[in-house]
């Protein structure tokens, strides 16, 4: 998967159009419920755990930032869900 595919996931879950992956999700119209749904979908699809506190970090407020975080978790540089 790449950034474009990840943007498609964001668009599908949040019912928005990602025109700039670096744009904050809130600027695209993503609300808190959509954010929760997106986090759950990402965790399920990639087998990673995203701490809700991480989402307060400015670097993770965009599709690109969230995708970078997922990539880091998958590469083993950050902890993943136990048992995966």
N, C-alpha and C. Protein backbone atom coordinates (compact mmCIF):
# COMPACT_ATOMS: atom_id res chain seq x y z
N UNK A 1 0.85 -1.17 0.00
CA UNK A 1 0.00 0.00 0.00
C UNK A 1 0.90 1.24 0.00
N UNK A 2 0.39 2.29 -0.61
CA UNK A 2 1.13 3.54 -0.66
C UNK A 2 0.23 4.68 -0.21
N UNK A 3 0.75 5.91 -0.28
CA UNK A 3 -0.02 7.06 0.18
C UNK A 3 -1.34 7.19 -0.56
N UNK A 4 -1.33 6.96 -1.86
CA UNK A 4 -2.55 7.08 -2.65
C UNK A 4 -3.61 6.08 -2.19
N UNK A 5 -3.20 4.84 -1.94
CA UNK A 5 -4.13 3.83 -1.45
C UNK A 5 -4.64 4.19 -0.06
N UNK A 6 -3.76 4.73 0.77
CA UNK A 6 -4.16 5.13 2.12
C UNK A 6 -5.15 6.28 2.05
N UNK A 7 -4.92 7.21 1.14
CA UNK A 7 -5.87 8.32 0.95
C UNK A 7 -7.24 7.78 0.54
N UNK A 8 -7.26 6.75 -0.28
CA UNK A 8 -8.53 6.15 -0.68
C UNK A 8 -9.25 5.56 0.52
N UNK A 9 -8.50 4.95 1.44
CA UNK A 9 -9.10 4.42 2.67
C UNK A 9 -9.70 5.56 3.48
N UNK A 10 -8.96 6.65 3.62
CA UNK A 10 -9.45 7.82 4.35
C UNK A 10 -10.74 8.32 3.69
N UNK A 11 -10.73 8.42 2.38
CA UNK A 11 -11.91 8.90 1.66
C UNK A 11 -13.11 7.98 1.86
N UNK A 12 -12.86 6.69 1.82
CA UNK A 12 -13.93 5.71 1.98
C UNK A 12 -14.53 5.76 3.38
N UNK A 13 -13.70 5.79 4.40
CA UNK A 13 -14.16 5.76 5.79
C UNK A 13 -14.77 7.10 6.20
N UNK A 14 -14.16 8.19 5.77
CA UNK A 14 -14.57 9.52 6.25
C UNK A 14 -15.48 10.28 5.29
N UNK A 15 -15.73 9.72 4.12
CA UNK A 15 -16.60 10.37 3.13
C UNK A 15 -16.12 11.78 2.79
N UNK A 16 -14.81 11.90 2.55
CA UNK A 16 -14.20 13.17 2.14
C UNK A 16 -13.33 12.92 0.91
N UNK A 17 -12.85 13.98 0.31
CA UNK A 17 -11.90 13.88 -0.80
C UNK A 17 -10.56 14.43 -0.33
N UNK A 18 -9.55 13.60 -0.39
CA UNK A 18 -8.21 14.02 0.01
C UNK A 18 -7.52 14.62 -1.21
N UNK A 19 -7.47 15.94 -1.25
CA UNK A 19 -6.82 16.63 -2.36
C UNK A 19 -5.34 16.90 -2.05
N UNK A 20 -5.03 17.03 -0.77
CA UNK A 20 -3.66 17.26 -0.32
C UNK A 20 -3.43 16.38 0.90
N UNK A 21 -2.62 15.32 0.77
CA UNK A 21 -2.40 14.40 1.88
C UNK A 21 -1.82 15.08 3.13
N UNK A 22 -1.19 16.24 2.97
CA UNK A 22 -0.61 16.95 4.11
C UNK A 22 -1.62 17.86 4.81
N UNK A 23 -2.81 18.04 4.23
CA UNK A 23 -3.83 18.90 4.83
C UNK A 23 -4.41 18.23 6.07
N UNK A 24 -4.60 18.98 7.13
CA UNK A 24 -5.22 18.40 8.33
C UNK A 24 -6.59 17.80 8.00
N UNK A 25 -6.86 16.63 8.55
CA UNK A 25 -8.12 15.96 8.28
C UNK A 25 -9.31 16.83 8.65
N UNK A 26 -9.19 17.59 9.72
CA UNK A 26 -10.29 18.46 10.13
C UNK A 26 -10.60 19.50 9.06
N UNK A 27 -9.58 19.95 8.33
CA UNK A 27 -9.79 20.91 7.24
C UNK A 27 -10.53 20.29 6.06
N UNK A 28 -10.49 18.95 5.99
CA UNK A 28 -11.22 18.24 4.93
C UNK A 28 -12.66 17.96 5.34
N UNK A 29 -12.99 18.29 6.61
CA UNK A 29 -14.35 18.06 7.10
C UNK A 29 -14.51 16.81 7.93
N UNK A 30 -13.39 16.19 8.32
CA UNK A 30 -13.45 14.98 9.14
C UNK A 30 -13.77 15.37 10.57
N UNK A 31 -14.82 14.76 11.13
CA UNK A 31 -15.20 15.06 12.51
C UNK A 31 -14.67 13.98 13.45
N UNK A 32 -14.96 14.12 14.73
CA UNK A 32 -14.41 13.19 15.73
C UNK A 32 -14.91 11.76 15.54
N UNK A 33 -16.16 11.59 15.17
CA UNK A 33 -16.69 10.23 14.95
C UNK A 33 -16.03 9.58 13.74
N UNK A 34 -15.81 10.34 12.69
CA UNK A 34 -15.12 9.81 11.52
C UNK A 34 -13.67 9.47 11.86
N UNK A 35 -13.06 10.26 12.71
CA UNK A 35 -11.69 9.99 13.13
C UNK A 35 -11.61 8.67 13.87
N UNK A 36 -12.57 8.43 14.77
CA UNK A 36 -12.61 7.16 15.50
C UNK A 36 -12.78 6.00 14.52
N UNK A 37 -13.70 6.15 13.56
CA UNK A 37 -13.93 5.09 12.57
C UNK A 37 -12.67 4.85 11.74
N UNK A 38 -11.96 5.92 11.38
CA UNK A 38 -10.73 5.79 10.61
C UNK A 38 -9.66 5.06 11.41
N UNK A 39 -9.49 5.44 12.66
CA UNK A 39 -8.49 4.79 13.51
C UNK A 39 -8.81 3.30 13.64
N UNK A 40 -10.06 2.97 13.86
CA UNK A 40 -10.45 1.56 13.98
C UNK A 40 -10.17 0.80 12.69
N UNK A 41 -10.47 1.41 11.56
CA UNK A 41 -10.22 0.76 10.26
C UNK A 41 -8.72 0.55 10.02
N UNK A 42 -7.94 1.56 10.35
CA UNK A 42 -6.49 1.46 10.18
C UNK A 42 -5.92 0.38 11.10
N UNK A 43 -6.35 0.37 12.35
CA UNK A 43 -5.87 -0.64 13.29
C UNK A 43 -6.21 -2.04 12.81
N UNK A 44 -7.44 -2.20 12.32
CA UNK A 44 -7.87 -3.53 11.86
C UNK A 44 -7.12 -3.94 10.60
N UNK A 45 -7.00 -3.04 9.66
CA UNK A 45 -6.37 -3.38 8.38
C UNK A 45 -4.88 -3.66 8.53
N UNK A 46 -4.19 -2.89 9.37
CA UNK A 46 -2.73 -3.01 9.46
C UNK A 46 -2.23 -3.73 10.70
N UNK A 47 -3.13 -4.02 11.64
CA UNK A 47 -2.70 -4.72 12.85
C UNK A 47 -1.81 -3.88 13.75
N UNK A 48 -2.01 -2.58 13.72
CA UNK A 48 -1.24 -1.68 14.58
C UNK A 48 -2.20 -1.02 15.56
N UNK A 49 -1.65 -0.51 16.63
CA UNK A 49 -2.46 0.21 17.61
C UNK A 49 -2.09 1.68 17.56
N UNK A 50 -3.10 2.52 17.48
CA UNK A 50 -2.88 3.95 17.47
C UNK A 50 -3.44 4.51 18.77
N UNK A 51 -2.57 5.02 19.59
CA UNK A 51 -2.97 5.62 20.85
C UNK A 51 -3.72 6.91 20.55
N UNK A 52 -4.93 7.08 21.11
CA UNK A 52 -5.68 8.31 20.84
C UNK A 52 -4.90 9.58 21.13
N UNK A 53 -4.00 9.53 22.11
CA UNK A 53 -3.19 10.71 22.42
C UNK A 53 -2.27 11.07 21.26
N UNK A 54 -1.88 10.06 20.45
CA UNK A 54 -1.03 10.34 19.30
C UNK A 54 -1.71 11.27 18.31
N UNK A 55 -3.03 11.17 18.22
CA UNK A 55 -3.77 11.96 17.25
C UNK A 55 -3.76 13.45 17.58
N UNK A 56 -3.35 13.80 18.78
CA UNK A 56 -3.24 15.21 19.15
C UNK A 56 -1.95 15.82 18.62
N UNK A 57 -1.01 14.96 18.20
CA UNK A 57 0.26 15.44 17.67
C UNK A 57 0.03 16.05 16.29
N UNK A 58 0.49 17.26 16.06
CA UNK A 58 0.27 17.91 14.76
C UNK A 58 0.73 17.08 13.57
N UNK A 59 1.78 16.30 13.74
CA UNK A 59 2.31 15.50 12.63
C UNK A 59 1.35 14.40 12.19
N UNK A 60 0.38 14.05 13.05
CA UNK A 60 -0.54 12.96 12.72
C UNK A 60 -1.93 13.45 12.36
N UNK A 61 -2.10 14.74 12.16
CA UNK A 61 -3.43 15.26 11.89
C UNK A 61 -3.81 15.20 10.42
N UNK A 62 -2.91 14.73 9.57
CA UNK A 62 -3.19 14.63 8.14
C UNK A 62 -3.16 13.17 7.71
N UNK A 63 -3.67 12.91 6.52
CA UNK A 63 -3.61 11.57 5.96
C UNK A 63 -2.15 11.11 5.82
N UNK A 64 -1.31 12.00 5.33
CA UNK A 64 0.11 11.66 5.15
C UNK A 64 0.79 11.38 6.49
N UNK A 65 0.48 12.18 7.49
CA UNK A 65 1.08 11.96 8.81
C UNK A 65 0.64 10.65 9.42
N UNK A 66 -0.63 10.34 9.28
CA UNK A 66 -1.14 9.07 9.81
C UNK A 66 -0.52 7.90 9.06
N UNK A 67 -0.39 8.01 7.74
CA UNK A 67 0.24 6.96 6.95
C UNK A 67 1.70 6.76 7.36
N UNK A 68 2.43 7.86 7.59
CA UNK A 68 3.83 7.73 8.04
C UNK A 68 3.89 6.99 9.37
N UNK A 69 2.97 7.29 10.27
CA UNK A 69 2.94 6.62 11.57
C UNK A 69 2.68 5.12 11.40
N UNK A 70 1.75 4.78 10.53
CA UNK A 70 1.47 3.36 10.27
C UNK A 70 2.70 2.68 9.70
N UNK A 71 3.37 3.31 8.75
CA UNK A 71 4.58 2.73 8.18
C UNK A 71 5.66 2.51 9.25
N UNK A 72 5.82 3.48 10.14
CA UNK A 72 6.80 3.34 11.21
C UNK A 72 6.45 2.17 12.12
N UNK A 73 5.19 2.03 12.45
CA UNK A 73 4.74 0.94 13.31
C UNK A 73 4.97 -0.40 12.62
N UNK A 74 4.67 -0.46 11.33
CA UNK A 74 4.85 -1.70 10.58
C UNK A 74 6.32 -2.07 10.43
N UNK A 75 7.18 -1.08 10.39
CA UNK A 75 8.61 -1.36 10.25
C UNK A 75 9.25 -1.76 11.57
N UNK A 76 8.46 -1.68 12.65
CA UNK A 76 8.96 -2.11 13.94
C UNK A 76 9.60 -1.03 14.76
N UNK A 77 9.58 0.21 14.28
CA UNK A 77 10.21 1.28 15.04
C UNK A 77 9.31 1.76 16.18
N UNK A 78 8.03 1.39 16.15
CA UNK A 78 7.11 1.72 17.23
C UNK A 78 6.35 0.44 17.59
N UNK A 79 5.86 0.31 18.82
CA UNK A 79 5.18 -0.91 19.21
C UNK A 79 3.89 -1.12 18.43
N UNK A 80 3.58 -2.40 18.15
CA UNK A 80 2.34 -2.77 17.49
C UNK A 80 1.47 -3.50 18.51
N UNK A 81 0.27 -3.86 18.11
CA UNK A 81 -0.62 -4.59 18.99
C UNK A 81 0.02 -5.90 19.42
N UNK A 82 -0.18 -6.28 20.66
CA UNK A 82 0.34 -7.54 21.16
C UNK A 82 -0.31 -8.68 20.39
N UNK A 83 0.48 -9.67 20.04
CA UNK A 83 -0.04 -10.84 19.37
C UNK A 83 -0.02 -10.74 17.86
N UNK A 84 0.41 -9.61 17.32
CA UNK A 84 0.46 -9.46 15.85
C UNK A 84 1.87 -9.52 15.35
